[in-house]
Amino acid sequence: MKNMLKRGLSFGLAGLMLGGVLCGCGSTGKDSADTAPDAAQDTAEQPVELTVFAAASLTEALNEIAEQYKEVAPEVSLVFNFDSSGTLKTQIEEGAECDIFISAAQKQMNQLDATQDAEKNPDGLDYIDPETRIDLLENKVVLVVPEGNPAGITSFEEIGDKCNLIALGNDDVPVGQYSEEILQGLGLMDKLESESKITYGSNVKEVTTQVAEGAVDCGIVYATDANSAGLTIVAQASEDMCSQVIYPAALLKNSAHAEQAQAFLDYLQDDAAMKVFEEIGFSSAVAK
């Protein structure tokens, strides 16, 4: 009888222990299932740093838009590299880390786009994703003078007679290329060069600084930079004086954060961002 009781107790204890193990396993599986969505959510909200290479003339607008974007995508940190489009293109070609490129002209973007012909992309470079490329903004080219306009210049045509020194962007800078196009069309470029009346800036911000400081009689810059620097605009280039000033934008093929980069590029085309661009003097070039 005692042996039978001992066997009963042993079986009972064994059953309780096995049940506990099974319940523990079931509990663990349930906890894992419950926490899986949270883990996925944590992964989705991991901080991401996007590097944006942008023409110097976009400095004020993009810095303001970056503040807005913190509310839209708080997990995304935007790092800007502002310089001339030619310098940015060279940095990308040399392997600089970049997620989005926004140029102040088609030329530099074309030189990184493998879908362009040999005339536009002579080196056959293949750095941007052409599927993401858009025409984002349009700007205008203007003639600006220092405060008080000491030389009394009121038009592009008067530069030849009234100007002793003019500030222009280098010829590898889009604003410099537009400036040269204007002055060549007016037959003034050779005259100004032969008389040593030109001082050059490596980007548009350097040109605006020279004008603002009164170091030159006038300068040719973008309307947006003139507005940001508080410069006096005395003339705006007409459509027949220089090419349309279009700012293309695209993702880089090697972007490590293509999804987040595309989301920011989409945001730049939305009304909230366009309002900032327009307040500075840009207009949308996005096809409707």
C-alpha atoms as a PDB file:
ATOM      1  CA  MET A   1       0.000   0.000   0.000  1.00  0.00           C
ATOM      2  CA  LYS A   2       2.810   2.363   0.943  1.00  0.00           C
ATOM      3  CA  ASN A   3       4.601   1.527  -2.360  1.00  0.00           C
ATOM      4  CA  MET A   4       1.443   2.364  -4.311  1.00  0.00           C
ATOM      5  CA  LEU A   5       1.140   5.736  -2.533  1.00  0.00           C
ATOM      6  CA  LYS A   6       4.762   6.522  -3.295  1.00  0.00           C
ATOM      7  CA  ARG A   7       4.252   5.680  -6.988  1.00  0.00           C
ATOM      8  CA  GLY A   8       1.132   7.920  -7.098  1.00  0.00           C
ATOM      9  CA  LEU A   9       2.920  10.817  -5.537  1.00  0.00           C
ATOM     10  CA  SER A  10       5.847  10.418  -7.961  1.00  0.00           C
ATOM     11  CA  PHE A  11       3.590  10.407 -10.995  1.00  0.00           C
ATOM     12  CA  GLY A  12       1.706  13.430  -9.652  1.00  0.00           C
ATOM     13  CA  LEU A  13       4.860  15.440  -9.078  1.00  0.00           C
ATOM     14  CA  ALA A  14       6.189  14.514 -12.504  1.00  0.00           C
ATOM     15  CA  GLY A  15       2.945  15.662 -14.105  1.00  0.00           C
ATOM     16  CA  LEU A  16       3.035  18.980 -12.308  1.00  0.00           C
ATOM     17  CA  MET A  17       6.637  19.569 -13.359  1.00  0.00           C
ATOM     18  CA  LEU A  18       5.909  18.721 -17.014  1.00  0.00           C
ATOM     19  CA  GLY A  19       2.869  21.006 -17.004  1.00  0.00           C
ATOM     20  CA  GLY A  20       4.980  23.842 -15.622  1.00  0.00           C
ATOM     21  CA  VAL A  21       7.550  23.393 -18.362  1.00  0.00           C
ATOM     22  CA  LEU A  22       4.880  23.374 -21.057  1.00  0.00           C
ATOM     23  CA  CYS A  23       3.192  26.446 -19.598  1.00  0.00           C
ATOM     24  CA  GLY A  24       6.534  28.203 -19.446  1.00  0.00           C
ATOM     25  CA  CYS A  25       7.186  27.437 -23.098  1.00  0.00           C
ATOM     26  CA  GLY A  26       3.738  28.663 -24.053  1.00  0.00           C
ATOM     27  CA  SER A  27       4.248  31.852 -22.073  1.00  0.00           C
ATOM     28  CA  THR A  28       7.578  32.543 -23.761  1.00  0.00           C
ATOM     29  CA  GLY A  29       6.057  32.126 -27.213  1.00  0.00           C
ATOM     30  CA  LYS A  30       3.261  34.544 -26.360  1.00  0.00           C
ATOM     31  CA  ASP A  31       5.670  37.184 -25.061  1.00  0.00           C
ATOM     32  CA  SER A  32       7.782  36.957 -28.214  1.00  0.00           C
ATOM     33  CA  ALA A  33       4.744  37.415 -30.402  1.00  0.00           C
ATOM     34  CA  ASP A  34       3.616  40.392 -28.352  1.00  0.00           C
ATOM     35  CA  THR A  35       6.985  42.143 -28.474  1.00  0.00           C
ATOM     36  CA  ALA A  36       7.751  41.488 -32.161  1.00  0.00           C
ATOM     37  CA  PRO A  37       5.769  44.491 -33.496  1.00  0.00           C
ATOM     38  CA  ASP A  38       7.470  46.751 -30.942  1.00  0.00           C
ATOM     39  CA  ALA A  39      10.870  45.540 -32.088  1.00  0.00           C
ATOM     40  CA  ALA A  40       9.943  46.179 -35.710  1.00  0.00           C
ATOM     41  CA  GLN A  41       8.723  49.656 -34.783  1.00  0.00           C
ATOM     42  CA  ASP A  42      11.969  50.407 -32.951  1.00  0.00           C
ATOM     43  CA  THR A  43      13.920  49.340 -36.028  1.00  0.00           C
ATOM     44  CA  ALA A  44      11.829  51.579 -38.284  1.00  0.00           C
ATOM     45  CA  GLU A  45      12.506  54.583 -36.066  1.00  0.00           C
ATOM     46  CA  GLN A  46      16.274  54.189 -35.899  1.00  0.00           C
ATOM     47  CA  PRO A  47      18.066  57.519 -36.523  1.00  0.00           C
ATOM     48  CA  VAL A  48      19.092  58.117 -40.127  1.00  0.00           C
ATOM     49  CA  GLU A  49      21.549  60.744 -41.369  1.00  0.00           C
ATOM     50  CA  LEU A  50      20.985  62.033 -44.899  1.00  0.00           C
ATOM     51  CA  THR A  51      23.746  63.946 -46.672  1.00  0.00           C
ATOM     52  CA  VAL A  52      22.480  66.502 -49.180  1.00  0.00           C
ATOM     53  CA  PHE A  53      24.855  68.196 -51.640  1.00  0.00           C
ATOM     54  CA  ALA A  54      23.184  71.433 -52.739  1.00  0.00           C
ATOM     55  CA  ALA A  55      24.087  74.538 -54.725  1.00  0.00           C
ATOM     56  CA  ALA A  56      25.189  77.409 -52.470  1.00  0.00           C
ATOM     57  CA  SER A  57      22.189  79.498 -53.539  1.00  0.00           C
ATOM     58  CA  LEU A  58      19.931  77.036 -51.705  1.00  0.00           C
ATOM     59  CA  THR A  59      21.540  77.623 -48.309  1.00  0.00           C
ATOM     60  CA  GLU A  60      18.877  79.775 -46.664  1.00  0.00           C
ATOM     61  CA  ALA A  61      15.902  77.889 -48.074  1.00  0.00           C
ATOM     62  CA  LEU A  62      17.119  74.388 -47.219  1.00  0.00           C
ATOM     63  CA  ASN A  63      18.189  75.334 -43.701  1.00  0.00           C
ATOM     64  CA  GLU A  64      14.679  76.634 -43.043  1.00  0.00           C
ATOM     65  CA  ILE A  65      13.052  73.586 -44.621  1.00  0.00           C
ATOM     66  CA  ALA A  66      15.268  71.323 -42.493  1.00  0.00           C
ATOM     67  CA  GLU A  67      13.697  72.824 -39.367  1.00  0.00           C
ATOM     68  CA  GLN A  68      10.226  72.041 -40.724  1.00  0.00           C
ATOM     69  CA  TYR A  69      11.235  68.497 -41.641  1.00  0.00           C
ATOM     70  CA  LYS A  70      12.102  67.680 -38.028  1.00  0.00           C
ATOM     71  CA  GLU A  71       8.353  67.602 -37.358  1.00  0.00           C
ATOM     72  CA  VAL A  72       7.712  65.336 -40.348  1.00  0.00           C
ATOM     73  CA  ALA A  73      10.548  62.850 -39.838  1.00  0.00           C
ATOM     74  CA  PRO A  74      12.166  63.361 -36.407  1.00  0.00           C
ATOM     75  CA  GLU A  75      14.344  60.286 -36.889  1.00  0.00           C
ATOM     76  CA  VAL A  76      16.048  61.862 -39.936  1.00  0.00           C
ATOM     77  CA  SER A  77      19.038  64.185 -39.523  1.00  0.00           C
ATOM     78  CA  LEU A  78      19.883  66.325 -42.544  1.00  0.00           C
ATOM     79  CA  VAL A  79      23.522  67.205 -43.205  1.00  0.00           C
ATOM     80  CA  PHE A  80      24.051  69.802 -45.945  1.00  0.00           C
ATOM     81  CA  ASN A  81      27.115  70.454 -48.050  1.00  0.00           C
ATOM     82  CA  PHE A  82      26.632  73.802 -49.795  1.00  0.00           C
ATOM     83  CA  ASP A  83      29.021  74.871 -52.556  1.00  0.00           C
ATOM     84  CA  SER A  84      29.160  75.562 -56.271  1.00  0.00           C
ATOM     85  CA  SER A  85      27.553  72.837 -58.366  1.00  0.00           C
ATOM     86  CA  GLY A  86      30.859  72.179 -60.133  1.00  0.00           C
ATOM     87  CA  THR A  87      32.680  71.615 -56.850  1.00  0.00           C
ATOM     88  CA  LEU A  88      29.916  69.332 -55.575  1.00  0.00           C
ATOM     89  CA  LYS A  89      29.962  67.321 -58.790  1.00  0.00           C
ATOM     90  CA  THR A  90      33.720  66.827 -58.438  1.00  0.00           C
ATOM     91  CA  GLN A  91      33.373  65.734 -54.806  1.00  0.00           C
ATOM     92  CA  ILE A  92      30.746  63.148 -55.773  1.00  0.00           C
ATOM     93  CA  GLU A  93      32.976  61.888 -58.566  1.00  0.00           C
ATOM     94  CA  GLU A  94      35.841  61.539 -56.080  1.00  0.00           C
ATOM     95  CA  GLY A  95      33.741  59.326 -53.816  1.00  0.00           C
ATOM     96  CA  ALA A  96      32.252  61.720 -51.258  1.00  0.00           C
ATOM     97  CA  GLU A  97      29.315  60.290 -49.325  1.00  0.00           C
ATOM     98  CA  CYS A  98      26.088  61.796 -50.638  1.00  0.00           C
ATOM     99  CA  ASP A  99      22.422  60.794 -50.722  1.00  0.00           C
ATOM    100  CA  ILE A 100      20.859  63.657 -52.715  1.00  0.00           C
ATOM    101  CA  PHE A 101      22.388  66.084 -55.217  1.00  0.00           C
ATOM    102  CA  ILE A 102      20.663  69.383 -56.090  1.00  0.00           C
ATOM    103  CA  SER A 103      22.483  71.349 -58.776  1.00  0.00           C
ATOM    104  CA  ALA A 104      21.974  74.941 -59.915  1.00  0.00           C
ATOM    105  CA  ALA A 105      22.148  73.846 -63.557  1.00  0.00           C
ATOM    106  CA  GLN A 106      21.508  70.823 -65.745  1.00  0.00           C
ATOM    107  CA  LYS A 107      25.164  70.642 -66.830  1.00  0.00           C
ATOM    108  CA  GLN A 108      26.582  69.219 -63.602  1.00  0.00           C
ATOM    109  CA  MET A 109      23.705  66.776 -63.147  1.00  0.00           C
ATOM    110  CA  ASN A 110      24.038  65.598 -66.751  1.00  0.00           C
ATOM    111  CA  GLN A 111      27.732  64.885 -66.181  1.00  0.00           C
ATOM    112  CA  LEU A 112      26.792  62.333 -63.495  1.00  0.00           C
ATOM    113  CA  ASP A 113      23.870  60.771 -65.398  1.00  0.00           C
ATOM    114  CA  ALA A 114      24.674  57.661 -67.478  1.00  0.00           C
ATOM    115  CA  THR A 115      21.480  58.085 -69.521  1.00  0.00           C
ATOM    116  CA  GLN A 116      22.860  61.280 -71.112  1.00  0.00           C
ATOM    117  CA  ASP A 117      24.721  61.231 -74.413  1.00  0.00           C
ATOM    118  CA  ALA A 118      28.479  61.646 -74.809  1.00  0.00           C
ATOM    119  CA  GLU A 119      28.170  65.363 -75.444  1.00  0.00           C
ATOM    120  CA  LYS A 120      26.518  65.985 -72.067  1.00  0.00           C
ATOM    121  CA  ASN A 121      28.331  63.222 -70.166  1.00  0.00           C
ATOM    122  CA  PRO A 122      31.698  62.886 -71.955  1.00  0.00           C
ATOM    123  CA  ASP A 123      33.254  60.721 -69.237  1.00  0.00           C
ATOM    124  CA  GLY A 124      30.337  58.297 -69.103  1.00  0.00           C
ATOM    125  CA  LEU A 125      29.893  58.820 -65.352  1.00  0.00           C
ATOM    126  CA  ASP A 126      27.143  56.853 -63.612  1.00  0.00           C
ATOM    127  CA  TYR A 127      26.454  58.271 -60.152  1.00  0.00           C
ATOM    128  CA  ILE A 128      22.823  59.394 -59.971  1.00  0.00           C
ATOM    129  CA  ASP A 129      19.650  57.340 -60.157  1.00  0.00           C
ATOM    130  CA  PRO A 130      17.931  58.713 -63.293  1.00  0.00           C
ATOM    131  CA  GLU A 131      14.564  57.309 -62.175  1.00  0.00           C
ATOM    132  CA  THR A 132      14.566  59.792 -59.282  1.00  0.00           C
ATOM    133  CA  ARG A 133      15.751  62.842 -61.255  1.00  0.00           C
ATOM    134  CA  ILE A 134      13.403  65.832 -61.350  1.00  0.00           C
ATOM    135  CA  ASP A 135      13.511  69.512 -62.267  1.00  0.00           C
ATOM    136  CA  LEU A 136      12.850  70.992 -58.828  1.00  0.00           C
ATOM    137  CA  LEU A 137      13.185  74.790 -59.002  1.00  0.00           C
ATOM    138  CA  GLU A 138      13.603  77.779 -61.281  1.00  0.00           C
ATOM    139  CA  ASN A 139      15.635  80.893 -60.456  1.00  0.00           C
ATOM    140  CA  LYS A 140      16.378  84.196 -62.206  1.00  0.00           C
ATOM    141  CA  VAL A 141      19.677  85.931 -62.990  1.00  0.00           C
ATOM    142  CA  VAL A 142      19.917  89.569 -61.918  1.00  0.00           C
ATOM    143  CA  LEU A 143      22.299  92.509 -61.909  1.00  0.00           C
ATOM    144  CA  VAL A 144      22.961  93.902 -58.425  1.00  0.00           C
ATOM    145  CA  VAL A 145      24.768  96.965 -57.106  1.00  0.00           C
ATOM    146  CA  PRO A 146      26.089  98.094 -53.689  1.00  0.00           C
ATOM    147  CA  GLU A 147      24.045 100.349 -51.448  1.00  0.00           C
ATOM    148  CA  GLY A 148      23.563 103.748 -53.054  1.00  0.00           C
ATOM    149  CA  ASN A 149      24.644 102.454 -56.491  1.00  0.00           C
ATOM    150  CA  PRO A 150      27.768 104.712 -56.666  1.00  0.00           C
ATOM    151  CA  ALA A 151      28.437 103.892 -60.333  1.00  0.00           C
ATOM    152  CA  GLY A 152      24.847 104.624 -61.369  1.00  0.00           C
ATOM    153  CA  ILE A 153      24.430 101.358 -63.273  1.00  0.00           C
ATOM    154  CA  THR A 154      20.803 100.578 -64.144  1.00  0.00           C
ATOM    155  CA  SER A 155      21.046  97.913 -66.877  1.00  0.00           C
ATOM    156  CA  PHE A 156      23.271  95.124 -68.201  1.00  0.00           C
ATOM    157  CA  GLU A 157      24.015  97.263 -71.253  1.00  0.00           C
ATOM    158  CA  GLU A 158      25.535 100.032 -69.078  1.00  0.00           C
ATOM    159  CA  ILE A 159      28.158  97.710 -67.598  1.00  0.00           C
ATOM    160  CA  GLY A 160      30.549  98.387 -70.464  1.00  0.00           C
ATOM    161  CA  ASP A 161      30.634 102.167 -69.931  1.00  0.00           C
ATOM    162  CA  LYS A 162      29.942 102.726 -66.240  1.00  0.00           C
ATOM    163  CA  CYS A 163      31.571  99.746 -64.550  1.00  0.00           C
ATOM    164  CA  ASN A 164      35.175  99.783 -63.327  1.00  0.00           C
ATOM    165  CA  LEU A 165      34.937  96.370 -61.621  1.00  0.00           C
ATOM    166  CA  ILE A 166      32.279  93.653 -61.793  1.00  0.00           C
ATOM    167  CA  ALA A 167      32.016  90.474 -59.714  1.00  0.00           C
ATOM    168  CA  LEU A 168      31.141  87.244 -61.535  1.00  0.00           C
ATOM    169  CA  GLY A 169      31.136  83.560 -60.675  1.00  0.00           C
ATOM    170  CA  ASN A 170      33.927  81.389 -62.087  1.00  0.00           C
ATOM    171  CA  ASP A 171      33.209  79.695 -65.403  1.00  0.00           C
ATOM    172  CA  ASP A 172      32.810  76.321 -63.645  1.00  0.00           C
ATOM    173  CA  VAL A 173      30.005  77.785 -61.514  1.00  0.00           C
ATOM    174  CA  PRO A 174      26.486  77.875 -63.026  1.00  0.00           C
ATOM    175  CA  VAL A 175      25.918  81.548 -62.143  1.00  0.00           C
ATOM    176  CA  GLY A 176      29.246  82.316 -63.824  1.00  0.00           C
ATOM    177  CA  GLN A 177      28.173  80.445 -66.937  1.00  0.00           C
ATOM    178  CA  TYR A 178      24.874  82.335 -67.082  1.00  0.00           C
ATOM    179  CA  SER A 179      26.744  85.621 -66.526  1.00  0.00           C
ATOM    180  CA  GLU A 180      29.168  84.891 -69.344  1.00  0.00           C
ATOM    181  CA  GLU A 181      26.259  83.995 -71.616  1.00  0.00           C
ATOM    182  CA  ILE A 182      24.673  87.397 -70.925  1.00  0.00           C
ATOM    183  CA  LEU A 183      27.874  89.403 -71.377  1.00  0.00           C
ATOM    184  CA  GLN A 184      28.902  87.509 -74.508  1.00  0.00           C
ATOM    185  CA  GLY A 185      25.483  88.180 -75.996  1.00  0.00           C
ATOM    186  CA  LEU A 186      25.921  91.896 -75.324  1.00  0.00           C
ATOM    187  CA  GLY A 187      29.431  91.887 -76.759  1.00  0.00           C
ATOM    188  CA  LEU A 188      30.931  92.974 -73.422  1.00  0.00           C
ATOM    189  CA  MET A 189      32.844  89.936 -72.170  1.00  0.00           C
ATOM    190  CA  ASP A 190      36.036  90.428 -74.190  1.00  0.00           C
ATOM    191  CA  LYS A 191      36.094  94.150 -73.424  1.00  0.00           C
ATOM    192  CA  LEU A 192      35.762  93.604 -69.669  1.00  0.00           C
ATOM    193  CA  GLU A 193      38.436  90.899 -69.657  1.00  0.00           C
ATOM    194  CA  SER A 194      40.919  92.915 -71.730  1.00  0.00           C
ATOM    195  CA  GLU A 195      40.482  95.906 -69.396  1.00  0.00           C
ATOM    196  CA  SER A 196      40.848  93.695 -66.262  1.00  0.00           C
ATOM    197  CA  LYS A 197      37.448  94.765 -64.972  1.00  0.00           C
ATOM    198  CA  ILE A 198      36.327  91.328 -63.736  1.00  0.00           C
ATOM    199  CA  THR A 199      36.855  89.769 -60.306  1.00  0.00           C
ATOM    200  CA  TYR A 200      35.712  86.180 -59.822  1.00  0.00           C
ATOM    201  CA  GLY A 201      34.110  84.252 -56.976  1.00  0.00           C
ATOM    202  CA  SER A 202      34.220  80.477 -56.510  1.00  0.00           C
ATOM    203  CA  ASN A 203      30.468  80.437 -55.807  1.00  0.00           C
ATOM    204  CA  VAL A 204      27.535  82.824 -55.844  1.00  0.00           C
ATOM    205  CA  LYS A 205      27.861  83.677 -52.147  1.00  0.00           C
ATOM    206  CA  GLU A 206      31.343  85.108 -52.764  1.00  0.00           C
ATOM    207  CA  VAL A 207      29.954  87.317 -55.522  1.00  0.00           C
ATOM    208  CA  THR A 208      27.156  88.663 -53.299  1.00  0.00           C
ATOM    209  CA  THR A 209      29.680  89.394 -50.535  1.00  0.00           C
ATOM    210  CA  GLN A 210      31.855  91.467 -52.864  1.00  0.00           C
ATOM    211  CA  VAL A 211      28.852  93.512 -53.932  1.00  0.00           C
ATOM    212  CA  ALA A 212      27.499  93.921 -50.402  1.00  0.00           C
ATOM    213  CA  GLU A 213      30.887  95.172 -49.185  1.00  0.00           C
ATOM    214  CA  GLY A 214      31.117  97.705 -52.022  1.00  0.00           C
ATOM    215  CA  ALA A 215      34.307  96.123 -53.350  1.00  0.00           C
ATOM    216  CA  VAL A 216      32.861  96.206 -56.884  1.00  0.00           C
ATOM    217  CA  ASP A 217      30.507  98.431 -58.881  1.00  0.00           C
ATOM    218  CA  CYS A 218      28.100  95.593 -59.656  1.00  0.00           C
ATOM    219  CA  GLY A 219      27.720  91.832 -59.817  1.00  0.00           C
ATOM    220  CA  ILE A 220      25.626  89.169 -61.496  1.00  0.00           C
ATOM    221  CA  VAL A 221      23.907  86.724 -59.150  1.00  0.00           C
ATOM    222  CA  TYR A 222      20.653  84.833 -58.691  1.00  0.00           C
ATOM    223  CA  ALA A 223      17.558  86.734 -57.612  1.00  0.00           C
ATOM    224  CA  THR A 224      17.300  84.514 -54.530  1.00  0.00           C
ATOM    225  CA  ASP A 225      20.807  85.402 -53.339  1.00  0.00           C
ATOM    226  CA  ALA A 226      20.179  89.087 -53.964  1.00  0.00           C
ATOM    227  CA  ASN A 227      17.031  88.897 -51.837  1.00  0.00           C
ATOM    228  CA  SER A 228      18.751  86.955 -49.045  1.00  0.00           C
ATOM    229  CA  ALA A 229      21.676  89.406 -48.942  1.00  0.00           C
ATOM    230  CA  GLY A 230      19.444  92.482 -49.158  1.00  0.00           C
ATOM    231  CA  LEU A 231      21.149  93.710 -52.351  1.00  0.00           C
ATOM    232  CA  THR A 232      19.669  96.245 -54.763  1.00  0.00           C
ATOM    233  CA  ILE A 233      18.512  94.638 -58.026  1.00  0.00           C
ATOM    234  CA  VAL A 234      18.699  96.996 -60.988  1.00  0.00           C
ATOM    235  CA  ALA A 235      17.959  94.556 -63.830  1.00  0.00           C
ATOM    236  CA  GLN A 236      16.782  91.002 -64.472  1.00  0.00           C
ATOM    237  CA  ALA A 237      18.015  88.949 -67.417  1.00  0.00           C
ATOM    238  CA  SER A 238      15.305  88.273 -69.972  1.00  0.00           C
ATOM    239  CA  GLU A 239      14.686  84.865 -71.533  1.00  0.00           C
ATOM    240  CA  ASP A 240      16.630  85.820 -74.652  1.00  0.00           C
ATOM    241  CA  MET A 241      19.704  86.888 -72.646  1.00  0.00           C
ATOM    242  CA  CYS A 242      20.501  83.565 -70.952  1.00  0.00           C
ATOM    243  CA  SER A 243      19.277  80.009 -70.576  1.00  0.00           C
ATOM    244  CA  GLN A 244      16.463  79.143 -68.217  1.00  0.00           C
ATOM    245  CA  VAL A 245      17.870  78.612 -64.715  1.00  0.00           C
ATOM    246  CA  ILE A 246      16.640  75.190 -63.637  1.00  0.00           C
ATOM    247  CA  TYR A 247      17.729  73.308 -60.501  1.00  0.00           C
ATOM    248  CA  PRO A 248      17.581  69.518 -61.031  1.00  0.00           C
ATOM    249  CA  ALA A 249      17.653  67.072 -58.111  1.00  0.00           C
ATOM    250  CA  ALA A 250      18.276  63.335 -57.872  1.00  0.00           C
ATOM    251  CA  LEU A 251      19.236  60.520 -55.524  1.00  0.00           C
ATOM    252  CA  LEU A 252      22.702  59.028 -55.738  1.00  0.00           C
ATOM    253  CA  LYS A 253      22.850  55.381 -56.807  1.00  0.00           C
ATOM    254  CA  ASN A 254      25.005  54.452 -53.828  1.00  0.00           C
ATOM    255  CA  SER A 255      22.759  56.092 -51.217  1.00  0.00           C
ATOM    256  CA  ALA A 256      22.614  53.921 -48.106  1.00  0.00           C
ATOM    257  CA  HIS A 257      19.227  55.401 -47.215  1.00  0.00           C
ATOM    258  CA  ALA A 258      17.364  55.517 -50.513  1.00  0.00           C
ATOM    259  CA  GLU A 259      13.904  55.231 -48.932  1.00  0.00           C
ATOM    260  CA  GLN A 260      14.427  58.161 -46.554  1.00  0.00           C
ATOM    261  CA  ALA A 261      16.211  60.180 -49.246  1.00  0.00           C
ATOM    262  CA  GLN A 262      13.288  59.743 -51.637  1.00  0.00           C
ATOM    263  CA  ALA A 263      10.880  60.780 -48.881  1.00  0.00           C
ATOM    264  CA  PHE A 264      12.823  64.022 -48.346  1.00  0.00           C
ATOM    265  CA  LEU A 265      12.993  64.696 -52.092  1.00  0.00           C
ATOM    266  CA  ASP A 266       9.219  64.209 -52.240  1.00  0.00           C
ATOM    267  CA  TYR A 267       8.811  66.635 -49.344  1.00  0.00           C
ATOM    268  CA  LEU A 268      10.792  69.305 -51.212  1.00  0.00           C
ATOM    269  CA  GLN A 269       8.079  69.239 -53.871  1.00  0.00           C
ATOM    270  CA  ASP A 270       5.204  69.658 -51.383  1.00  0.00           C
ATOM    271  CA  ASP A 271       3.428  72.928 -50.677  1.00  0.00           C
ATOM    272  CA  ALA A 272       5.077  73.521 -47.280  1.00  0.00           C
ATOM    273  CA  ALA A 273       8.604  73.371 -48.730  1.00  0.00           C
ATOM    274  CA  MET A 274       7.660  75.239 -51.906  1.00  0.00           C
ATOM    275  CA  LYS A 275       6.292  78.075 -49.806  1.00  0.00           C
ATOM    276  CA  VAL A 276       9.762  78.540 -48.296  1.00  0.00           C
ATOM    277  CA  PHE A 277      11.423  78.430 -51.717  1.00  0.00           C
ATOM    278  CA  GLU A 278       8.955  80.950 -53.144  1.00  0.00           C
ATOM    279  CA  GLU A 279       9.388  83.387 -50.253  1.00  0.00           C
ATOM    280  CA  ILE A 280      13.088  83.560 -51.093  1.00  0.00           C
ATOM    281  CA  GLY A 281      12.460  84.017 -54.813  1.00  0.00           C
ATOM    282  CA  PHE A 282      12.443  80.561 -56.368  1.00  0.00           C
ATOM    283  CA  SER A 283       9.530  79.165 -58.333  1.00  0.00           C
ATOM    284  CA  SER A 284       8.558  75.543 -58.803  1.00  0.00           C
ATOM    285  CA  ALA A 285       9.856  73.759 -61.885  1.00  0.00           C
ATOM    286  CA  VAL A 286       8.127  70.473 -61.000  1.00  0.00           C
ATOM    287  CA  ALA A 287       5.981  69.232 -63.880  1.00  0.00           C
ATOM    288  CA  LYS A 288       2.314  69.353 -62.908  1.00  0.00           C
END
